Amino acid sequence: MSYQLSDKMKKIISRKVGIPYEQLIEMDDEDIEKYIEKKTGKKIKWPKGAKIEGLPIRTMEDVDRKIDSLIVKDNGWDR
């Protein structure tokens, strides 16, 4: 599904974010995250229990913890 924003909405987003909309949509997720953290002075954190399209959000730290809990360290393989 594709959505088109009006020019007015693009200007509002640009003003709120502090960079041109066209520049924003060309940035990758990591660059956007760094920009937000620099602008706000705070690290981005997801609220506990947050979901996107009904699925829980998992950070890489969450994934690493889950993998570590599944690995049997007695078999000689350790991360």
C-alpha atoms as a PDB file:
ATOM      1  CA  MET A   1       0.000   0.000   0.000  1.00  0.00           C
ATOM      2  CA  SER A   2       1.382   3.401  -0.933  1.00  0.00           C
ATOM      3  CA  TYR A   3       0.467   6.738   0.586  1.00  0.00           C
ATOM      4  CA  GLN A   4       1.053  10.211  -0.838  1.00  0.00           C
ATOM      5  CA  LEU A   5       1.556  13.117   1.526  1.00  0.00           C
ATOM      6  CA  SER A   6       0.356  16.552   0.556  1.00  0.00           C
ATOM      7  CA  ASP A   7       2.893  19.351   0.153  1.00  0.00           C
ATOM      8  CA  LYS A   8       1.383  20.989   3.225  1.00  0.00           C
ATOM      9  CA  MET A   9       1.977  17.853   5.316  1.00  0.00           C
ATOM     10  CA  LYS A  10       5.552  17.558   4.011  1.00  0.00           C
ATOM     11  CA  LYS A  11       6.213  21.159   5.092  1.00  0.00           C
ATOM     12  CA  ILE A  12       4.757  20.480   8.539  1.00  0.00           C
ATOM     13  CA  ILE A  13       6.952  17.392   8.951  1.00  0.00           C
ATOM     14  CA  SER A  14      10.022  19.311   7.754  1.00  0.00           C
ATOM     15  CA  ARG A  15       9.382  22.122  10.217  1.00  0.00           C
ATOM     16  CA  LYS A  16       8.800  19.753  13.148  1.00  0.00           C
ATOM     17  CA  VAL A  17      11.772  17.501  12.406  1.00  0.00           C
ATOM     18  CA  GLY A  18      14.145  20.279  11.421  1.00  0.00           C
ATOM     19  CA  ILE A  19      15.316  18.951   8.050  1.00  0.00           C
ATOM     20  CA  PRO A  20      13.748  18.950   4.585  1.00  0.00           C
ATOM     21  CA  TYR A  21      11.242  16.139   4.023  1.00  0.00           C
ATOM     22  CA  GLU A  22      13.128  14.977   0.916  1.00  0.00           C
ATOM     23  CA  GLN A  23      16.315  14.600   2.969  1.00  0.00           C
ATOM     24  CA  LEU A  24      14.446  12.737   5.698  1.00  0.00           C
ATOM     25  CA  ILE A  25      13.002  10.097   3.368  1.00  0.00           C
ATOM     26  CA  GLU A  26      16.461   9.450   1.876  1.00  0.00           C
ATOM     27  CA  MET A  27      17.956   8.701   5.321  1.00  0.00           C
ATOM     28  CA  ASP A  28      18.191   5.119   6.532  1.00  0.00           C
ATOM     29  CA  ASP A  29      16.804   4.080   9.911  1.00  0.00           C
ATOM     30  CA  GLU A  30      20.150   4.321  11.709  1.00  0.00           C
ATOM     31  CA  ASP A  31      20.768   7.862  10.444  1.00  0.00           C
ATOM     32  CA  ILE A  32      17.282   8.944  11.524  1.00  0.00           C
ATOM     33  CA  GLU A  33      17.838   7.422  14.969  1.00  0.00           C
ATOM     34  CA  LYS A  34      21.206   9.208  15.323  1.00  0.00           C
ATOM     35  CA  TYR A  35      19.652  12.494  14.193  1.00  0.00           C
ATOM     36  CA  ILE A  36      16.818  12.209  16.713  1.00  0.00           C
ATOM     37  CA  GLU A  37      19.193  11.296  19.535  1.00  0.00           C
ATOM     38  CA  LYS A  38      21.451  14.256  18.663  1.00  0.00           C
ATOM     39  CA  LYS A  39      18.512  16.636  18.433  1.00  0.00           C
ATOM     40  CA  THR A  40      16.813  15.517  21.659  1.00  0.00           C
ATOM     41  CA  GLY A  41      19.900  14.548  23.627  1.00  0.00           C
ATOM     42  CA  LYS A  42      18.160  11.287  24.570  1.00  0.00           C
ATOM     43  CA  LYS A  43      18.511   7.696  23.450  1.00  0.00           C
ATOM     44  CA  ILE A  44      15.408   6.299  21.762  1.00  0.00           C
ATOM     45  CA  LYS A  45      13.647   3.674  23.865  1.00  0.00           C
ATOM     46  CA  TRP A  46      10.588   1.648  22.984  1.00  0.00           C
ATOM     47  CA  PRO A  47       7.899   1.533  25.662  1.00  0.00           C
ATOM     48  CA  LYS A  48       7.626  -1.849  27.358  1.00  0.00           C
ATOM     49  CA  GLY A  49       5.043  -3.951  25.540  1.00  0.00           C
ATOM     50  CA  ALA A  50       5.069  -1.784  22.390  1.00  0.00           C
ATOM     51  CA  LYS A  51       3.849  -3.493  19.224  1.00  0.00           C
ATOM     52  CA  ILE A  52       3.832  -2.778  15.512  1.00  0.00           C
ATOM     53  CA  GLU A  53       1.021  -4.346  13.518  1.00  0.00           C
ATOM     54  CA  GLY A  54       0.249  -6.548  16.507  1.00  0.00           C
ATOM     55  CA  LEU A  55       3.783  -7.923  16.856  1.00  0.00           C
ATOM     56  CA  PRO A  56       5.997  -7.091  19.833  1.00  0.00           C
ATOM     57  CA  ILE A  57       9.015  -4.901  19.176  1.00  0.00           C
ATOM     58  CA  ARG A  58      12.299  -6.653  19.908  1.00  0.00           C
ATOM     59  CA  THR A  59      15.632  -4.897  20.295  1.00  0.00           C
ATOM     60  CA  MET A  60      18.866  -6.630  19.322  1.00  0.00           C
ATOM     61  CA  GLU A  61      19.584  -6.952  23.036  1.00  0.00           C
ATOM     62  CA  ASP A  62      16.267  -8.801  23.469  1.00  0.00           C
ATOM     63  CA  VAL A  63      17.132 -11.107  20.579  1.00  0.00           C
ATOM     64  CA  ASP A  64      20.633 -11.766  21.946  1.00  0.00           C
ATOM     65  CA  ARG A  65      19.225 -12.612  25.394  1.00  0.00           C
ATOM     66  CA  LYS A  66      16.726 -15.028  23.826  1.00  0.00           C
ATOM     67  CA  ILE A  67      19.442 -16.702  21.748  1.00  0.00           C
ATOM     68  CA  ASP A  68      21.691 -16.993  24.799  1.00  0.00           C
ATOM     69  CA  SER A  69      18.867 -18.629  26.753  1.00  0.00           C
ATOM     70  CA  LEU A  70      18.381 -21.204  23.971  1.00  0.00           C
ATOM     71  CA  ILE A  71      22.041 -22.119  23.538  1.00  0.00           C
ATOM     72  CA  VAL A  72      23.238 -25.148  25.435  1.00  0.00           C
ATOM     73  CA  LYS A  73      26.651 -24.036  26.651  1.00  0.00           C
ATOM     74  CA  ASP A  74      27.567 -27.526  27.901  1.00  0.00           C
ATOM     75  CA  ASN A  75      28.008 -28.776  24.325  1.00  0.00           C
ATOM     76  CA  GLY A  76      31.121 -26.680  23.790  1.00  0.00           C
ATOM     77  CA  TRP A  77      29.474 -23.936  21.773  1.00  0.00           C
ATOM     78  CA  ASP A  78      29.332 -20.530  23.346  1.00  0.00           C
ATOM     79  CA  ARG A  79      28.651 -17.107  21.911  1.00  0.00           C
END
